[in-house]
Amino acid sequence: MAKGDGYRTVLLDLDGTLADTAPDLIHALNAVRTEDGLSALAAAAIRPHVSNGSRTLISIGFGTDESHPEFERRRLRFLKIYSQRLCVDTRLFPGMTEVIDEIEKRGHRWGVVTNKPAWLTEPLLRQLGLTTRATCVVSGDTVARAKPHPDPLLHAAAACDSAPADCVYVGDARRDIEAGRAAGMGTLVALFGYLSPGDDPVHWGADAMVRSPDEILGWIAPAS
C-alpha cells in the first residue's frame, strides 16, 4: 500500500513507540546496581537497549550473560522494582496523544502489540489511561510465539476485525518490522524510539521510517 492510500487499523509497539518507558526502566536497573554496591550507569548507556527486554538490560547493566550465577536473581529483582513504579516518569511520546485522538476521530481502530509480558503491560496501559481506548492489547505472552513471529500481529488483526493488509504496524526494532512484514501488514520504523548504536533500519525492509509520531498520520486513511 502506498502512502496516501491509507490504513484503517494502526498497531503500535509499546516501549519506544507508543510510550517513553525508558526513565522508569533505567531507574529500576540502576536500583539493582546500587543494591549490589555499584554506581549508577548513565541513562544514555541504557536507553538504546530498553526495547530489548529484561535479559538484555541485565546484560548491559552488569556486563554478564545468562550464565552468571547472579544473572537471574538480578533480573527478577529488576522486574520487581520496575513493577512497583511502572509509570512514575513514563509518558507517551510527544505527539502520540494527538495521533491516537486523530485515529479515533477518523473512526479507525488502534491497538498495542508488545513483547512486554501482560502482568506489566496491562497495569502500565491502565495507568496511562489507554486500556479502554485500545481496540486490542497483545502482550508478549498473549500467544505462544512472540515477535519476530507474526502470530501476535495476526492475533491483533483478528481482534480488531481487520484484514492484515488493512493494518500498519509501527515499531522501533528490527523484530517489529520482521513480524509486521511476515504478517502481511504495512510497517513503519519509529526513529524516535530506542534504536541501538548498531541498528541500520534502512535495511529492515519497512515501508517507511517516521521521525515523529505525527508522521504516522500520513499513512492513515481519511475518516470513514
C-alpha atoms as a PDB file:
ATOM      1  CA  MET A   1       0.000   0.000   0.000  1.00  0.00           C
ATOM      2  CA  ALA A   2       1.428   3.353  -0.971  1.00  0.00           C
ATOM      3  CA  LYS A   3       1.414   6.370   1.268  1.00  0.00           C
ATOM      4  CA  GLY A   4      -1.874   8.152   0.828  1.00  0.00           C
ATOM      5  CA  ASP A   5      -3.942   5.026   0.230  1.00  0.00           C
ATOM      6  CA  GLY A   6      -4.347   4.826   3.972  1.00  0.00           C
ATOM      7  CA  TYR A   7      -4.504   2.066   6.564  1.00  0.00           C
ATOM      8  CA  ARG A   8      -7.563   1.735   8.768  1.00  0.00           C
ATOM      9  CA  THR A   9      -6.028  -0.135  11.701  1.00  0.00           C
ATOM     10  CA  VAL A  10      -2.905   1.103  13.457  1.00  0.00           C
ATOM     11  CA  LEU A  11      -0.936  -1.268  15.671  1.00  0.00           C
ATOM     12  CA  LEU A  12       1.797   0.146  17.896  1.00  0.00           C
ATOM     13  CA  ASP A  13       4.727  -1.342  19.746  1.00  0.00           C
ATOM     14  CA  LEU A  14       4.759  -0.182  23.366  1.00  0.00           C
ATOM     15  CA  ASP A  15       8.286   0.565  24.628  1.00  0.00           C
ATOM     16  CA  GLY A  16       9.964   3.056  22.326  1.00  0.00           C
ATOM     17  CA  THR A  17       6.972   3.634  20.056  1.00  0.00           C
ATOM     18  CA  LEU A  18       3.805   4.380  22.000  1.00  0.00           C
ATOM     19  CA  ALA A  19       5.440   5.366  25.283  1.00  0.00           C
ATOM     20  CA  ASP A  20       8.810   6.559  26.502  1.00  0.00           C
ATOM     21  CA  THR A  21       9.214   3.944  29.219  1.00  0.00           C
ATOM     22  CA  ALA A  22      12.986   4.346  29.460  1.00  0.00           C
ATOM     23  CA  PRO A  23      13.131   6.563  32.583  1.00  0.00           C
ATOM     24  CA  ASP A  24      11.389   4.014  34.810  1.00  0.00           C
ATOM     25  CA  LEU A  25      13.310   1.058  33.343  1.00  0.00           C
ATOM     26  CA  ILE A  26      16.609   2.888  33.787  1.00  0.00           C
ATOM     27  CA  HIS A  27      15.694   3.693  37.394  1.00  0.00           C
ATOM     28  CA  ALA A  28      14.975   0.016  38.091  1.00  0.00           C
ATOM     29  CA  LEU A  29      18.220  -1.180  36.549  1.00  0.00           C
ATOM     30  CA  ASN A  30      20.300   1.362  38.439  1.00  0.00           C
ATOM     31  CA  ALA A  31      18.460   0.489  41.660  1.00  0.00           C
ATOM     32  CA  VAL A  32      19.680  -3.111  41.318  1.00  0.00           C
ATOM     33  CA  ARG A  33      23.204  -1.891  40.610  1.00  0.00           C
ATOM     34  CA  THR A  34      23.076   0.289  43.711  1.00  0.00           C
ATOM     35  CA  GLU A  35      21.888  -2.633  45.839  1.00  0.00           C
ATOM     36  CA  ASP A  36      24.862  -4.602  44.551  1.00  0.00           C
ATOM     37  CA  GLY A  37      27.286  -1.837  45.525  1.00  0.00           C
ATOM     38  CA  LEU A  38      27.783  -0.427  42.034  1.00  0.00           C
ATOM     39  CA  SER A  39      27.381   3.135  40.832  1.00  0.00           C
ATOM     40  CA  ALA A  40      24.541   4.136  38.549  1.00  0.00           C
ATOM     41  CA  LEU A  41      25.063   3.959  34.819  1.00  0.00           C
ATOM     42  CA  ALA A  42      24.380   6.993  32.660  1.00  0.00           C
ATOM     43  CA  ALA A  43      20.919   6.947  31.130  1.00  0.00           C
ATOM     44  CA  ALA A  44      22.453   7.311  27.665  1.00  0.00           C
ATOM     45  CA  ALA A  45      24.236   3.973  28.099  1.00  0.00           C
ATOM     46  CA  ILE A  46      20.970   2.151  28.862  1.00  0.00           C
ATOM     47  CA  ARG A  47      18.307   3.933  26.818  1.00  0.00           C
ATOM     48  CA  PRO A  48      19.164   2.460  23.363  1.00  0.00           C
ATOM     49  CA  HIS A  49      18.634  -1.056  24.741  1.00  0.00           C
ATOM     50  CA  VAL A  50      15.319  -0.547  26.530  1.00  0.00           C
ATOM     51  CA  SER A  51      13.217  -2.200  23.804  1.00  0.00           C
ATOM     52  CA  ASN A  52      15.159  -5.449  24.088  1.00  0.00           C
ATOM     53  CA  GLY A  53      13.769  -6.724  27.383  1.00  0.00           C
ATOM     54  CA  SER A  54      14.958  -7.547  30.881  1.00  0.00           C
ATOM     55  CA  ARG A  55      17.656 -10.032  29.891  1.00  0.00           C
ATOM     56  CA  THR A  56      19.373  -7.556  27.617  1.00  0.00           C
ATOM     57  CA  LEU A  57      19.140  -4.829  30.236  1.00  0.00           C
ATOM     58  CA  ILE A  58      20.737  -7.015  32.906  1.00  0.00           C
ATOM     59  CA  SER A  59      23.487  -7.956  30.460  1.00  0.00           C
ATOM     60  CA  ILE A  60      24.112  -4.282  29.698  1.00  0.00           C
ATOM     61  CA  GLY A  61      23.830  -3.237  33.326  1.00  0.00           C
ATOM     62  CA  PHE A  62      26.247  -5.812  34.708  1.00  0.00           C
ATOM     63  CA  GLY A  63      28.355  -6.847  31.729  1.00  0.00           C
ATOM     64  CA  THR A  64      27.412 -10.508  32.150  1.00  0.00           C
ATOM     65  CA  ASP A  65      25.445 -13.094  30.219  1.00  0.00           C
ATOM     66  CA  GLU A  66      22.819 -15.526  31.470  1.00  0.00           C
ATOM     67  CA  SER A  67      25.445 -18.000  32.636  1.00  0.00           C
ATOM     68  CA  HIS A  68      26.445 -15.685  35.501  1.00  0.00           C
ATOM     69  CA  PRO A  69      25.222 -17.093  38.855  1.00  0.00           C
ATOM     70  CA  GLU A  70      23.659 -13.750  39.828  1.00  0.00           C
ATOM     71  CA  PHE A  71      22.013 -13.093  36.476  1.00  0.00           C
ATOM     72  CA  GLU A  72      18.523 -14.435  37.223  1.00  0.00           C
ATOM     73  CA  ARG A  73      18.397 -13.018  40.748  1.00  0.00           C
ATOM     74  CA  ARG A  74      19.270  -9.592  39.391  1.00  0.00           C
ATOM     75  CA  ARG A  75      16.733  -9.904  36.574  1.00  0.00           C
ATOM     76  CA  LEU A  76      13.902 -10.848  38.928  1.00  0.00           C
ATOM     77  CA  ARG A  77      14.850  -8.060  41.325  1.00  0.00           C
ATOM     78  CA  PHE A  78      14.898  -5.607  38.409  1.00  0.00           C
ATOM     79  CA  LEU A  79      11.405  -6.690  37.349  1.00  0.00           C
ATOM     80  CA  LYS A  80      10.079  -6.368  40.895  1.00  0.00           C
ATOM     81  CA  ILE A  81      11.424  -2.841  41.307  1.00  0.00           C
ATOM     82  CA  TYR A  82      10.121  -1.869  37.877  1.00  0.00           C
ATOM     83  CA  SER A  83       6.661  -3.290  38.569  1.00  0.00           C
ATOM     84  CA  GLN A  84       6.409  -1.132  41.679  1.00  0.00           C
ATOM     85  CA  ARG A  85       6.905   2.082  39.695  1.00  0.00           C
ATOM     86  CA  LEU A  86       5.761   1.371  36.161  1.00  0.00           C
ATOM     87  CA  CYS A  87       4.549   4.827  35.354  1.00  0.00           C
ATOM     88  CA  VAL A  88       6.319   7.356  37.558  1.00  0.00           C
ATOM     89  CA  ASP A  89       8.210   9.062  34.734  1.00  0.00           C
ATOM     90  CA  THR A  90       6.818   7.148  31.747  1.00  0.00           C
ATOM     91  CA  ARG A  91       4.911   9.288  29.254  1.00  0.00           C
ATOM     92  CA  LEU A  92       3.511   8.919  25.767  1.00  0.00           C
ATOM     93  CA  PHE A  93       5.977  10.240  23.217  1.00  0.00           C
ATOM     94  CA  PRO A  94       5.283  13.882  22.343  1.00  0.00           C
ATOM     95  CA  GLY A  95       2.576  13.998  19.710  1.00  0.00           C
ATOM     96  CA  MET A  96       1.334  10.444  20.284  1.00  0.00           C
ATOM     97  CA  THR A  97      -1.750  11.573  22.193  1.00  0.00           C
ATOM     98  CA  GLU A  98      -2.775  13.682  19.212  1.00  0.00           C
ATOM     99  CA  VAL A  99      -2.140  10.761  16.836  1.00  0.00           C
ATOM    100  CA  ILE A 100      -4.404   8.465  18.852  1.00  0.00           C
ATOM    101  CA  ASP A 101      -7.044  11.184  19.069  1.00  0.00           C
ATOM    102  CA  GLU A 102      -6.968  11.624  15.307  1.00  0.00           C
ATOM    103  CA  ILE A 103      -7.120   7.877  14.574  1.00  0.00           C
ATOM    104  CA  GLU A 104     -10.210   7.651  16.750  1.00  0.00           C
ATOM    105  CA  LYS A 105     -11.676  10.810  15.207  1.00  0.00           C
ATOM    106  CA  ARG A 106     -11.367   9.223  11.772  1.00  0.00           C
ATOM    107  CA  GLY A 107     -13.311   6.223  13.031  1.00  0.00           C
ATOM    108  CA  HIS A 108     -10.418   3.775  12.807  1.00  0.00           C
ATOM    109  CA  ARG A 109      -9.081   1.189  15.236  1.00  0.00           C
ATOM    110  CA  TRP A 110      -5.756   1.092  17.021  1.00  0.00           C
ATOM    111  CA  GLY A 111      -4.047  -1.353  19.342  1.00  0.00           C
ATOM    112  CA  VAL A 112      -0.845  -2.319  21.100  1.00  0.00           C
ATOM    113  CA  VAL A 113       1.358  -5.296  20.255  1.00  0.00           C
ATOM    114  CA  THR A 114       4.356  -5.715  22.540  1.00  0.00           C
ATOM    115  CA  ASN A 115       6.740  -8.388  23.784  1.00  0.00           C
ATOM    116  CA  LYS A 116       6.308  -6.991  27.293  1.00  0.00           C
ATOM    117  CA  PRO A 117       4.509  -9.580  29.464  1.00  0.00           C
ATOM    118  CA  ALA A 118       0.873  -8.946  30.269  1.00  0.00           C
ATOM    119  CA  TRP A 119       1.494  -8.557  34.010  1.00  0.00           C
ATOM    120  CA  LEU A 120       3.466  -5.409  33.166  1.00  0.00           C
ATOM    121  CA  THR A 121       1.681  -4.288  30.001  1.00  0.00           C
ATOM    122  CA  GLU A 122      -1.836  -4.181  31.382  1.00  0.00           C
ATOM    123  CA  PRO A 123      -1.210  -2.081  34.504  1.00  0.00           C
ATOM    124  CA  LEU A 124       1.036   0.272  32.544  1.00  0.00           C
ATOM    125  CA  LEU A 125      -1.623   0.941  29.911  1.00  0.00           C
ATOM    126  CA  ARG A 126      -4.189   1.353  32.657  1.00  0.00           C
ATOM    127  CA  GLN A 127      -2.031   3.974  34.367  1.00  0.00           C
ATOM    128  CA  LEU A 128      -1.572   5.730  31.028  1.00  0.00           C
ATOM    129  CA  GLY A 129      -5.361   5.838  30.657  1.00  0.00           C
ATOM    130  CA  LEU A 130      -5.411   3.799  27.452  1.00  0.00           C
ATOM    131  CA  THR A 131      -6.925   0.459  28.442  1.00  0.00           C
ATOM    132  CA  THR A 132     -10.480   1.318  27.423  1.00  0.00           C
ATOM    133  CA  ARG A 133      -9.399   3.140  24.264  1.00  0.00           C
ATOM    134  CA  ALA A 134      -7.254   0.494  22.574  1.00  0.00           C
ATOM    135  CA  THR A 135      -9.248  -1.958  20.466  1.00  0.00           C
ATOM    136  CA  CYS A 136      -6.751  -4.688  21.340  1.00  0.00           C
ATOM    137  CA  VAL A 137      -3.729  -5.249  23.557  1.00  0.00           C
ATOM    138  CA  VAL A 138      -1.447  -8.148  22.681  1.00  0.00           C
ATOM    139  CA  SER A 139       1.371  -8.805  25.152  1.00  0.00           C
ATOM    140  CA  GLY A 140       4.432 -10.988  24.823  1.00  0.00           C
ATOM    141  CA  ASP A 141       2.664 -13.927  26.420  1.00  0.00           C
ATOM    142  CA  THR A 142      -0.785 -13.494  24.859  1.00  0.00           C
ATOM    143  CA  VAL A 143       0.009 -16.065  22.166  1.00  0.00           C
ATOM    144  CA  ALA A 144       2.575 -18.871  22.163  1.00  0.00           C
ATOM    145  CA  ARG A 145       5.142 -17.116  19.975  1.00  0.00           C
ATOM    146  CA  ALA A 146       6.233 -13.501  20.413  1.00  0.00           C
ATOM    147  CA  LYS A 147       7.726 -11.142  17.837  1.00  0.00           C
ATOM    148  CA  PRO A 148       9.526 -11.507  15.466  1.00  0.00           C
ATOM    149  CA  HIS A 149       6.991 -14.267  14.787  1.00  0.00           C
ATOM    150  CA  PRO A 150       3.901 -12.821  13.094  1.00  0.00           C
ATOM    151  CA  ASP A 151       1.402 -14.581  15.398  1.00  0.00           C
ATOM    152  CA  PRO A 152       0.955 -11.616  17.812  1.00  0.00           C
ATOM    153  CA  LEU A 153       0.177  -9.281  14.934  1.00  0.00           C
ATOM    154  CA  LEU A 154      -2.199 -11.715  13.276  1.00  0.00           C
ATOM    155  CA  HIS A 155      -3.936 -12.134  16.623  1.00  0.00           C
ATOM    156  CA  ALA A 156      -4.224  -8.346  16.914  1.00  0.00           C
ATOM    157  CA  ALA A 157      -5.663  -8.005  13.406  1.00  0.00           C
ATOM    158  CA  ALA A 158      -8.317 -10.602  14.199  1.00  0.00           C
ATOM    159  CA  ALA A 159      -9.134  -8.853  17.491  1.00  0.00           C
ATOM    160  CA  CYS A 160      -9.602  -5.610  15.552  1.00  0.00           C
ATOM    161  CA  ASP A 161     -11.764  -7.397  12.958  1.00  0.00           C
ATOM    162  CA  SER A 162      -9.275  -6.265  10.317  1.00  0.00           C
ATOM    163  CA  ALA A 163      -7.510  -7.978   7.450  1.00  0.00           C
ATOM    164  CA  PRO A 164      -3.716  -7.868   7.920  1.00  0.00           C
ATOM    165  CA  ALA A 165      -3.384  -5.888   4.686  1.00  0.00           C
ATOM    166  CA  ASP A 166      -5.533  -3.142   6.227  1.00  0.00           C
ATOM    167  CA  CYS A 167      -3.146  -2.796   9.201  1.00  0.00           C
ATOM    168  CA  VAL A 168       0.064  -0.865   9.657  1.00  0.00           C
ATOM    169  CA  TYR A 169       2.469  -1.759  12.451  1.00  0.00           C
ATOM    170  CA  VAL A 170       4.782   0.834  13.940  1.00  0.00           C
ATOM    171  CA  GLY A 171       7.845  -0.234  15.936  1.00  0.00           C
ATOM    172  CA  ASP A 172      11.396   0.720  16.787  1.00  0.00           C
ATOM    173  CA  ALA A 173      13.155  -2.657  16.476  1.00  0.00           C
ATOM    174  CA  ARG A 174      14.059  -4.997  13.632  1.00  0.00           C
ATOM    175  CA  ARG A 175      11.845  -7.718  15.110  1.00  0.00           C
ATOM    176  CA  ASP A 176       8.853  -5.369  14.815  1.00  0.00           C
ATOM    177  CA  ILE A 177       9.396  -4.887  11.116  1.00  0.00           C
ATOM    178  CA  GLU A 178      10.108  -8.578  10.548  1.00  0.00           C
ATOM    179  CA  ALA A 179       6.896  -9.523  12.356  1.00  0.00           C
ATOM    180  CA  GLY A 180       4.815  -6.949  10.504  1.00  0.00           C
ATOM    181  CA  ARG A 181       6.114  -7.978   7.106  1.00  0.00           C
ATOM    182  CA  ALA A 182       5.609 -11.665   7.861  1.00  0.00           C
ATOM    183  CA  ALA A 183       2.015 -10.877   8.863  1.00  0.00           C
ATOM    184  CA  GLY A 184       1.383  -9.078   5.572  1.00  0.00           C
ATOM    185  CA  MET A 185       0.991  -5.640   7.152  1.00  0.00           C
ATOM    186  CA  GLY A 186       2.410  -2.263   6.354  1.00  0.00           C
ATOM    187  CA  THR A 187       5.391  -1.392   8.540  1.00  0.00           C
ATOM    188  CA  LEU A 188       6.867   1.859   9.836  1.00  0.00           C
ATOM    189  CA  VAL A 189      10.088   2.294  11.814  1.00  0.00           C
ATOM    190  CA  ALA A 190       9.754   4.681  14.753  1.00  0.00           C
ATOM    191  CA  LEU A 191      13.054   6.548  14.539  1.00  0.00           C
ATOM    192  CA  PHE A 192      12.124   8.443  17.716  1.00  0.00           C
ATOM    193  CA  GLY A 193      12.326   5.176  19.671  1.00  0.00           C
ATOM    194  CA  TYR A 194      15.150   3.173  21.198  1.00  0.00           C
ATOM    195  CA  LEU A 195      17.404   2.317  18.306  1.00  0.00           C
ATOM    196  CA  SER A 196      20.667   0.698  19.345  1.00  0.00           C
ATOM    197  CA  PRO A 197      24.023   2.058  18.111  1.00  0.00           C
ATOM    198  CA  GLY A 198      24.450  -0.787  15.629  1.00  0.00           C
ATOM    199  CA  ASP A 199      20.939  -0.608  14.204  1.00  0.00           C
ATOM    200  CA  ASP A 200      20.563   0.156  10.499  1.00  0.00           C
ATOM    201  CA  PRO A 201      16.803   0.479   9.915  1.00  0.00           C
ATOM    202  CA  VAL A 202      17.307   1.386   6.267  1.00  0.00           C
ATOM    203  CA  HIS A 203      17.895  -2.303   5.634  1.00  0.00           C
ATOM    204  CA  TRP A 204      14.993  -3.659   7.703  1.00  0.00           C
ATOM    205  CA  GLY A 205      12.592  -3.597   4.761  1.00  0.00           C
ATOM    206  CA  ALA A 206       9.966  -1.309   6.293  1.00  0.00           C
ATOM    207  CA  ASP A 207       7.628   0.704   4.098  1.00  0.00           C
ATOM    208  CA  ALA A 208       8.959   3.898   5.642  1.00  0.00           C
ATOM    209  CA  MET A 209      10.626   5.480   8.638  1.00  0.00           C
ATOM    210  CA  VAL A 210       8.901   8.135  10.744  1.00  0.00           C
ATOM    211  CA  ARG A 211      10.852  10.699  12.729  1.00  0.00           C
ATOM    212  CA  SER A 212       7.972  11.715  14.978  1.00  0.00           C
ATOM    213  CA  PRO A 213       4.541  10.299  15.852  1.00  0.00           C
ATOM    214  CA  ASP A 214       2.668  12.862  13.744  1.00  0.00           C
ATOM    215  CA  GLU A 215       4.214  11.387  10.589  1.00  0.00           C
ATOM    216  CA  ILE A 216       2.210   8.197  11.211  1.00  0.00           C
ATOM    217  CA  LEU A 217      -0.948  10.083  10.224  1.00  0.00           C
ATOM    218  CA  GLY A 218       0.306  10.369   6.651  1.00  0.00           C
ATOM    219  CA  TRP A 219      -0.271   6.622   6.348  1.00  0.00           C
ATOM    220  CA  ILE A 220      -3.768   6.543   7.830  1.00  0.00           C
ATOM    221  CA  ALA A 221      -6.958   6.544   5.737  1.00  0.00           C
ATOM    222  CA  PRO A 222      -9.250   9.579   5.892  1.00  0.00           C
ATOM    223  CA  ALA A 223     -12.347   9.480   8.037  1.00  0.00           C
ATOM    224  CA  SER A 224     -14.597   6.565   7.208  1.00  0.00           C
END
